[in-house]
Amino acid sequence: MPKFIYTAKRVSTGETLGGEVEAKDERSLAQDLRSQGLLLTSHRKSDETPTIQVRLFDRFKRVPLKEKMSFTRNLSVMVASGLTISRAVKNLSLQTQNATFKTILDDVYEDLQAGKTLSDGLSKYPNVFDELFVSMVYVGEVGGSLEQVLDILALQLEKENELSSKVRGALIYPAVILSAMAGIGVLMLTYILPKITGVFKDMNVELPQSTLFIMSMSDFLRDHWIISFVLVVGIVVGVKSFYGTVMGRHFFDGIFVRLPIIGNIVMKVNCARFARVYGSLLGSGVSVVNALSIVSRTLGNVLYRDAIMAAVGDVQKGVELSQAIGQYPLIFPVLVPQIIEVGEETGKTEIVLGHLASYYEDEVSQITKNMSSIIEPILMLVIGVGVGFFAIAMLQPIYSVMDSIQ
């Protein structure tokens, strides 16, 4: 007889259960479960590979992280309250204000009504529900622990949102200052400086190299502004395209890790995400190898991805994870393998990983709080050098003219 993977609700308590059983057909499966006081909500054959058709534009749909956080938390509450998954998804579809997310949830609801599982429906939208999300939902469906898994996912999304918000907030200030400097510099070179340098050109005085350099930049920007614009756009597009290649990712991610201030943030953010995601997967019942494979695809820095994928091969050979990642002291500080080793010895890896994630998240929070006090003197130094160079370049010809008059 074929085997079916199913999810069901206990009629008396509303508890969500799941598992794998043998049955003659779908009708027999529903009857067997009903005799046990269970109501079948979704099922599929265990040897049946789901045929997920991802439409062309589905891959480009994106939903704000806060929408996913709200969906995950509310879905967990509704499932815990005894609602069927399909009804819970329909209710959340009616509540959401995001048109894109509403369309997605309506499609997922239709899949649930057609007998597909929740993980099948979510997997059609990889840009909204990534592999980590879908894999954990699948584990919860099979193990009958969907409510607990959704709680873990909600916490994971909340921590991720908190962490990314702090990092973005810390980078906004220097980005605004540098953008303003660039804008003022272009304005000076194209509108203000030509009026000053016009006087220098009429004088029969030998100009210093710094003044000639600024004058040539001003003339080029004013006379060839289209070429200048295309050149800037080309550089931005070229850098972005190069970063999209394997060589470019290794090049830039390697630089980011080694930068004095940025590197510390990159290290702590990736270590926090690794610990949080890996611990969540282990706590959901995912095997070590599968958990590491999923984690490697969720980390932002390619050096961490390569290290985790290499660790997967070592673990499959019988090497402890603490030893495997201990080979990469540049990206994993000594605290990480030590904490993991403690978890391996005590059998509480997911618990110690949660503590490790919280530690690094607090570290990132502290760094971002002090970011402005660290960056301000650096920005002031850069601004001072730029203004000083400009002032010297403009004042030197004036002093030369005054000397020639005397």
Protein backbone atom coordinates (compact mmCIF):
# COMPACT_ATOMS: atom_id res chain seq x y z
CA MET A 1 0.00 0.00 0.00
CA PRO A 2 1.18 3.54 -0.67
CA LYS A 3 2.40 5.76 2.13
CA PHE A 4 0.89 9.19 2.73
CA ILE A 5 2.34 12.24 4.46
CA TYR A 6 -0.55 14.00 6.16
CA THR A 7 -1.54 16.77 8.53
CA ALA A 8 -4.70 16.54 10.61
CA LYS A 9 -6.55 18.19 13.49
CA ARG A 10 -7.65 16.37 16.64
CA VAL A 11 -11.39 17.01 16.85
CA SER A 12 -11.53 17.08 20.65
CA THR A 13 -8.64 19.46 21.30
CA GLY A 14 -7.93 21.15 17.97
CA GLU A 15 -4.30 20.01 18.16
CA THR A 16 -2.42 19.85 14.86
CA LEU A 17 -0.77 16.50 14.13
CA GLY A 18 1.14 15.05 11.24
CA GLY A 19 3.00 11.98 10.14
CA GLU A 20 3.41 9.24 7.57
CA VAL A 21 1.06 6.22 7.38
CA GLU A 22 0.06 3.50 4.92
CA ALA A 23 -3.41 3.60 3.41
CA LYS A 24 -5.19 2.09 0.42
CA ASP A 25 -6.17 5.49 -0.96
CA GLU A 26 -7.08 9.00 0.10
CA ARG A 27 -10.55 7.97 1.25
CA SER A 28 -9.19 5.17 3.40
CA LEU A 29 -6.65 7.56 4.87
CA ALA A 30 -9.39 10.01 5.87
CA GLN A 31 -11.51 7.21 7.37
CA ASP A 32 -8.60 5.76 9.36
CA LEU A 33 -7.78 9.16 10.78
CA ARG A 34 -11.43 9.86 11.55
CA SER A 35 -11.63 6.63 13.54
CA GLN A 36 -8.77 8.01 15.66
CA GLY A 37 -10.63 11.29 16.25
CA LEU A 38 -8.59 13.19 13.65
CA LEU A 39 -9.77 15.40 10.80
CA LEU A 40 -7.56 15.27 7.68
CA THR A 41 -6.49 18.73 6.49
CA SER A 42 -3.83 17.97 3.84
CA HIS A 43 -1.97 14.98 2.43
CA ARG A 44 0.26 13.69 -0.34
CA LYS A 45 2.01 10.44 -1.21
CA SER A 46 5.44 10.16 0.40
CA ASP A 47 7.05 9.00 -2.86
CA GLU A 48 5.35 11.72 -4.84
CA THR A 49 7.52 14.68 -5.75
CA PRO A 50 5.36 17.81 -5.59
CA THR A 51 4.96 19.45 -8.99
CA ILE A 52 5.40 23.08 -8.10
CA GLN A 53 4.89 25.39 -11.04
CA VAL A 54 6.48 28.74 -10.39
CA ARG A 55 5.05 31.37 -12.68
CA LEU A 56 7.43 33.77 -14.37
CA PHE A 57 6.53 36.88 -12.37
CA ASP A 58 6.16 35.02 -9.05
CA ARG A 59 9.94 34.94 -8.68
CA PHE A 60 10.09 38.74 -8.71
CA LYS A 61 7.37 39.32 -6.12
CA ARG A 62 8.63 40.66 -2.83
CA VAL A 63 6.90 41.31 0.46
CA PRO A 64 8.12 43.50 3.36
CA LEU A 65 9.69 41.56 6.19
CA LYS A 66 7.17 42.99 8.67
CA GLU A 67 4.32 41.47 6.64
CA LYS A 68 5.96 38.03 6.87
CA MET A 69 6.56 38.51 10.60
CA SER A 70 2.90 39.34 11.18
CA PHE A 71 1.75 36.45 8.99
CA THR A 72 3.94 33.90 10.77
CA ARG A 73 3.02 35.05 14.28
CA ASN A 74 -0.71 35.23 13.53
CA LEU A 75 -0.72 31.89 11.71
CA SER A 76 0.89 30.28 14.76
CA VAL A 77 -1.79 31.75 17.04
CA MET A 78 -4.63 30.65 14.75
CA VAL A 79 -3.29 27.10 14.39
CA ALA A 80 -2.88 26.90 18.17
CA SER A 81 -6.49 28.09 18.55
CA GLY A 82 -7.77 25.12 16.54
CA LEU A 83 -8.36 26.69 13.14
CA THR A 84 -7.51 24.62 10.09
CA ILE A 85 -4.47 25.80 8.16
CA SER A 86 -6.51 26.67 5.08
CA ARG A 87 -9.00 28.76 7.06
CA ALA A 88 -6.18 30.51 8.94
CA VAL A 89 -4.43 31.40 5.66
CA LYS A 90 -7.73 32.71 4.22
CA ASN A 91 -8.34 34.88 7.30
CA LEU A 92 -4.82 36.32 7.08
CA SER A 93 -5.35 37.00 3.37
CA LEU A 94 -8.43 39.08 4.21
CA GLN A 95 -6.53 40.99 6.91
CA THR A 96 -3.38 41.95 5.01
CA GLN A 97 -3.17 45.41 3.44
CA ASN A 98 -0.40 44.45 1.01
CA ALA A 99 -1.90 43.63 -2.39
CA THR A 100 1.03 41.43 -3.47
CA PHE A 101 0.95 39.42 -0.25
CA LYS A 102 -2.84 39.05 -0.47
CA THR A 103 -2.51 37.55 -3.97
CA ILE A 104 0.14 35.12 -2.71
CA LEU A 105 -1.94 34.01 0.29
CA ASP A 106 -5.01 33.55 -1.90
CA ASP A 107 -2.97 31.29 -4.18
CA VAL A 108 -1.63 29.34 -1.18
CA TYR A 109 -5.21 28.94 0.07
CA GLU A 110 -6.27 27.51 -3.29
CA ASP A 111 -3.38 25.02 -3.09
CA LEU A 112 -4.46 23.96 0.39
CA GLN A 113 -8.00 23.47 -0.84
CA ALA A 114 -6.64 21.29 -3.65
CA GLY A 115 -4.96 18.98 -1.13
CA LYS A 116 -1.43 20.36 -1.21
CA THR A 117 0.53 21.05 1.94
CA LEU A 118 1.36 24.52 3.25
CA SER A 119 5.03 24.06 2.44
CA ASP A 120 4.12 23.19 -1.16
CA GLY A 121 2.15 26.40 -1.54
CA LEU A 122 4.79 28.59 0.07
CA SER A 123 7.62 27.09 -2.01
CA LYS A 124 6.12 28.62 -5.17
CA TYR A 125 7.29 32.04 -3.96
CA PRO A 126 11.03 31.72 -3.21
CA ASN A 127 11.54 35.50 -3.08
CA VAL A 128 8.97 35.76 -0.29
CA PHE A 129 9.38 32.46 1.58
CA ASP A 130 13.00 31.36 1.36
CA GLU A 131 14.33 27.81 1.65
CA LEU A 132 14.75 28.13 5.42
CA PHE A 133 11.10 29.12 5.90
CA VAL A 134 9.73 26.40 3.62
CA SER A 135 12.00 23.68 5.05
CA MET A 136 10.99 24.44 8.63
CA VAL A 137 7.29 24.50 7.74
CA TYR A 138 7.70 21.13 6.01
CA VAL A 139 9.40 19.67 9.10
CA GLY A 140 6.57 21.00 11.26
CA GLU A 141 3.95 19.46 8.99
CA VAL A 142 5.60 16.04 8.92
CA GLY A 143 6.38 16.03 12.63
CA GLY A 144 3.03 17.43 13.74
CA SER A 145 4.71 20.40 15.40
CA LEU A 146 3.69 23.16 13.01
CA GLU A 147 2.58 25.47 15.82
CA GLN A 148 5.97 25.25 17.56
CA VAL A 149 7.86 25.64 14.28
CA LEU A 150 5.87 28.76 13.39
CA ASP A 151 6.74 30.23 16.79
CA ILE A 152 10.43 29.58 16.10
CA LEU A 153 10.13 31.12 12.63
CA ALA A 154 8.35 34.20 14.01
CA LEU A 155 11.13 34.70 16.56
CA GLN A 156 13.73 34.18 13.84
CA LEU A 157 12.13 36.82 11.60
CA GLU A 158 11.79 39.28 14.47
CA LYS A 159 15.47 38.91 15.39
CA GLU A 160 16.49 39.23 11.74
CA ASN A 161 14.41 42.39 11.33
CA GLU A 162 15.82 43.88 14.53
CA LEU A 163 19.39 43.12 13.50
CA SER A 164 19.09 44.43 9.94
CA SER A 165 17.29 47.58 11.15
CA LYS A 166 20.12 48.41 13.54
CA VAL A 167 22.77 47.91 10.86
CA ARG A 168 20.85 50.02 8.31
CA GLY A 169 20.26 52.71 10.89
CA ALA A 170 23.97 52.88 11.69
CA LEU A 171 24.89 53.25 8.01
CA ILE A 172 22.31 55.92 7.15
CA TYR A 173 24.23 58.76 8.82
CA PRO A 174 27.54 58.29 6.96
CA ALA A 175 25.67 57.61 3.71
CA VAL A 176 23.76 60.89 4.00
CA ILE A 177 26.92 62.86 4.83
CA LEU A 178 28.91 61.35 1.95
CA SER A 179 26.04 61.90 -0.49
CA ALA A 180 25.75 65.53 0.60
CA MET A 181 29.52 65.98 0.18
CA ALA A 182 29.37 64.54 -3.33
CA GLY A 183 26.44 66.79 -4.25
CA ILE A 184 28.13 69.91 -2.90
CA GLY A 185 31.35 68.98 -4.66
CA VAL A 186 29.61 68.65 -8.03
CA LEU A 187 27.80 71.96 -7.45
CA MET A 188 31.07 73.71 -6.63
CA LEU A 189 32.86 72.30 -9.66
CA THR A 190 30.12 73.03 -12.19
CA TYR A 191 28.66 76.39 -11.08
CA ILE A 192 30.78 78.20 -8.51
CA LEU A 193 34.34 77.27 -9.43
CA PRO A 194 34.18 78.35 -13.13
CA LYS A 195 33.52 81.95 -12.01
CA ILE A 196 36.67 81.90 -9.89
CA THR A 197 38.93 80.04 -12.28
CA GLY A 198 37.92 82.36 -15.12
CA VAL A 199 39.92 85.08 -13.36
CA PHE A 200 42.97 82.82 -13.07
CA LYS A 201 42.92 82.06 -16.81
CA ASP A 202 43.12 85.77 -17.64
CA MET A 203 46.19 86.23 -15.45
CA ASN A 204 49.62 85.63 -16.79
CA VAL A 205 50.61 83.52 -13.79
CA GLU A 206 51.88 79.98 -13.62
CA LEU A 207 49.24 77.98 -11.76
CA PRO A 208 50.12 75.15 -9.32
CA GLN A 209 49.30 71.54 -10.21
CA SER A 210 46.52 71.32 -7.61
CA THR A 211 44.73 74.31 -9.15
CA LEU A 212 45.14 72.95 -12.68
CA PHE A 213 43.75 69.60 -11.54
CA ILE A 214 40.60 71.19 -10.06
CA MET A 215 40.17 73.45 -13.09
CA SER A 216 40.42 70.49 -15.48
CA MET A 217 37.82 68.58 -13.43
CA SER A 218 35.52 71.60 -13.47
CA ASP A 219 35.87 72.06 -17.23
CA PHE A 220 35.24 68.38 -17.92
CA LEU A 221 32.10 68.20 -15.74
CA ARG A 222 30.71 71.41 -17.23
CA ASP A 223 31.49 70.67 -20.87
CA HIS A 224 30.92 66.91 -20.85
CA TRP A 225 28.24 66.42 -18.20
CA ILE A 226 26.49 63.70 -20.24
CA ILE A 227 29.71 61.70 -20.50
CA SER A 228 30.33 62.26 -16.78
CA PHE A 229 26.85 61.00 -15.92
CA VAL A 230 27.19 57.94 -18.16
CA LEU A 231 30.63 57.26 -16.70
CA VAL A 232 29.31 57.32 -13.11
CA VAL A 233 26.34 55.10 -14.01
CA GLY A 234 28.67 52.74 -15.89
CA ILE A 235 30.98 52.43 -12.89
CA VAL A 236 28.04 51.70 -10.55
CA VAL A 237 26.54 49.13 -12.92
CA GLY A 238 29.95 47.58 -13.59
CA VAL A 239 30.75 47.21 -9.90
CA LYS A 240 27.31 45.75 -9.22
CA SER A 241 27.65 43.31 -12.12
CA PHE A 242 31.12 42.26 -10.98
CA TYR A 243 29.80 41.74 -7.46
CA GLY A 244 27.19 39.39 -8.94
CA THR A 245 29.91 37.05 -10.21
CA VAL A 246 31.61 34.38 -8.12
CA MET A 247 34.97 36.15 -8.36
CA GLY A 248 33.38 39.50 -7.48
CA ARG A 249 31.58 38.13 -4.42
CA HIS A 250 34.80 36.60 -3.10
CA PHE A 251 36.72 39.80 -3.81
CA PHE A 252 34.32 42.25 -2.16
CA ASP A 253 33.21 39.97 0.69
CA GLY A 254 36.86 39.31 1.48
CA ILE A 255 37.46 43.08 1.66
CA PHE A 256 34.38 43.64 3.84
CA VAL A 257 35.58 41.08 6.39
CA ARG A 258 39.00 42.76 6.68
CA LEU A 259 37.85 46.39 6.98
CA PRO A 260 38.53 47.86 10.46
CA ILE A 261 34.97 48.80 11.52
CA ILE A 262 32.79 47.20 8.82
CA GLY A 263 34.58 43.86 9.19
CA ASN A 264 33.67 43.59 12.87
CA ILE A 265 29.99 44.22 12.07
CA VAL A 266 30.02 41.73 9.16
CA MET A 267 31.58 39.05 11.39
CA LYS A 268 29.13 39.52 14.25
CA VAL A 269 26.05 39.75 12.00
CA ASN A 270 26.92 36.56 10.13
CA CYS A 271 27.84 34.67 13.31
CA ALA A 272 24.59 35.76 14.93
CA ARG A 273 22.57 34.68 11.89
CA PHE A 274 24.43 31.36 11.66
CA ALA A 275 23.80 30.57 15.33
CA ARG A 276 20.16 31.66 15.24
CA VAL A 277 19.22 29.83 12.02
CA TYR A 278 21.22 26.68 12.75
CA GLY A 279 19.84 26.44 16.27
CA SER A 280 16.28 26.98 15.00
CA LEU A 281 16.64 24.20 12.43
CA LEU A 282 18.07 21.77 14.98
CA GLY A 283 15.28 22.64 17.39
CA SER A 284 12.74 21.90 14.64
CA GLY A 285 14.12 18.43 14.10
CA VAL A 286 16.20 18.97 10.97
CA SER A 287 19.32 16.80 10.73
CA VAL A 288 22.75 18.36 11.21
CA VAL A 289 23.81 17.95 7.56
CA ASN A 290 20.54 19.29 6.13
CA ALA A 291 20.54 22.16 8.63
CA LEU A 292 24.07 23.20 7.68
CA SER A 293 23.22 23.00 3.97
CA ILE A 294 20.24 25.29 4.46
CA VAL A 295 22.21 27.70 6.68
CA SER A 296 24.96 28.01 4.08
CA ARG A 297 22.43 29.36 1.58
CA THR A 298 20.97 31.93 3.99
CA LEU A 299 24.20 33.68 5.00
CA GLY A 300 25.00 36.94 3.21
CA ASN A 301 28.80 36.71 3.03
CA VAL A 302 30.19 34.17 0.54
CA LEU A 303 33.17 33.36 2.80
CA TYR A 304 30.76 32.08 5.44
CA ARG A 305 28.83 30.12 2.82
CA ASP A 306 31.97 28.39 1.60
CA ALA A 307 33.12 27.64 5.16
CA ILE A 308 29.77 26.07 6.11
CA MET A 309 29.60 24.02 2.92
CA ALA A 310 33.13 22.75 3.59
CA ALA A 311 32.00 21.93 7.15
CA VAL A 312 29.14 19.84 5.73
CA GLY A 313 31.68 17.57 4.03
CA ASP A 314 33.74 17.32 7.23
CA VAL A 315 30.68 16.47 9.34
CA GLN A 316 29.68 13.74 6.90
CA LYS A 317 33.14 12.24 7.44
CA GLY A 318 32.61 12.17 11.20
CA VAL A 319 34.36 15.42 12.16
CA GLU A 320 32.69 17.49 14.86
CA LEU A 321 31.25 20.82 13.66
CA SER A 322 33.27 22.72 16.27
CA GLN A 323 36.48 21.35 14.75
CA ALA A 324 35.29 21.95 11.18
CA ILE A 325 34.57 25.67 11.62
CA GLY A 326 37.54 26.12 13.93
CA GLN A 327 39.67 26.01 10.79
CA TYR A 328 38.40 29.48 9.83
CA PRO A 329 39.53 31.87 12.60
CA LEU A 330 39.25 34.89 10.28
CA ILE A 331 35.45 34.63 10.06
CA PHE A 332 34.59 32.50 13.11
CA PRO A 333 36.13 33.89 16.32
CA VAL A 334 37.35 31.33 18.84
CA LEU A 335 34.18 31.77 20.92
CA VAL A 336 31.98 30.18 18.21
CA PRO A 337 33.69 26.74 17.99
CA GLN A 338 34.11 26.71 21.78
CA ILE A 339 30.39 27.27 22.41
CA ILE A 340 29.43 24.69 19.77
CA GLU A 341 31.83 22.21 21.37
CA VAL A 342 30.08 22.71 24.71
CA GLY A 343 26.74 22.02 23.01
CA GLU A 344 28.09 18.87 21.36
CA GLU A 345 29.40 17.56 24.68
CA THR A 346 26.19 18.30 26.61
CA GLY A 347 23.72 17.45 23.83
CA LYS A 348 22.17 20.93 24.02
CA THR A 349 23.56 22.46 20.86
CA GLU A 350 20.39 24.37 19.91
CA ILE A 351 20.20 25.93 23.40
CA VAL A 352 23.79 27.16 23.49
CA LEU A 353 23.45 28.41 19.91
CA GLY A 354 20.49 30.52 21.02
CA HIS A 355 22.65 32.07 23.75
CA LEU A 356 25.46 32.62 21.24
CA ALA A 357 23.09 34.32 18.79
CA SER A 358 21.77 36.60 21.54
CA TYR A 359 25.33 37.50 22.55
CA TYR A 360 26.35 38.56 19.04
CA GLU A 361 23.06 40.37 18.46
CA ASP A 362 23.71 42.39 21.62
CA GLU A 363 27.25 43.06 20.37
CA VAL A 364 25.91 44.38 17.06
CA SER A 365 23.41 46.53 18.94
CA GLN A 366 26.20 48.05 21.03
CA ILE A 367 28.43 48.67 18.01
CA THR A 368 25.64 50.36 16.07
CA LYS A 369 24.86 52.59 19.08
CA ASN A 370 28.49 53.74 19.16
CA MET A 371 28.73 53.95 15.38
CA SER A 372 28.10 57.68 15.12
CA SER A 373 30.78 58.52 17.70
CA ILE A 374 33.26 56.31 15.80
CA ILE A 375 32.41 57.56 12.30
CA GLU A 376 32.05 61.28 13.09
CA PRO A 377 35.79 62.00 13.56
CA ILE A 378 36.58 59.97 10.42
CA LEU A 379 34.04 61.94 8.39
CA MET A 380 35.31 65.22 9.83
CA LEU A 381 38.84 64.24 8.83
CA VAL A 382 37.74 63.39 5.27
CA ILE A 383 35.77 66.64 4.99
CA GLY A 384 38.70 68.62 6.41
CA VAL A 385 41.14 67.11 3.91
CA GLY A 386 38.79 67.84 1.00
CA VAL A 387 38.09 71.42 2.06
CA GLY A 388 41.76 72.02 2.84
CA PHE A 389 42.86 70.76 -0.57
CA PHE A 390 40.28 72.95 -2.30
CA ALA A 391 41.23 76.02 -0.24
CA ILE A 392 44.96 75.60 -0.91
CA ALA A 393 44.34 75.09 -4.64
CA MET A 394 42.34 78.33 -4.80
CA LEU A 395 44.53 80.44 -2.53
CA GLN A 396 47.90 79.57 -4.07
CA PRO A 397 47.28 81.47 -7.36
CA ILE A 398 46.04 84.49 -5.40
CA TYR A 399 49.25 84.59 -3.37
CA SER A 400 51.26 84.21 -6.61
CA VAL A 401 49.47 87.21 -8.12
CA MET A 402 50.07 89.29 -5.00
CA ASP A 403 53.77 88.40 -5.05
CA SER A 404 54.07 89.38 -8.73
CA ILE A 405 52.40 92.76 -7.99
CA GLN A 406 54.86 93.51 -5.17
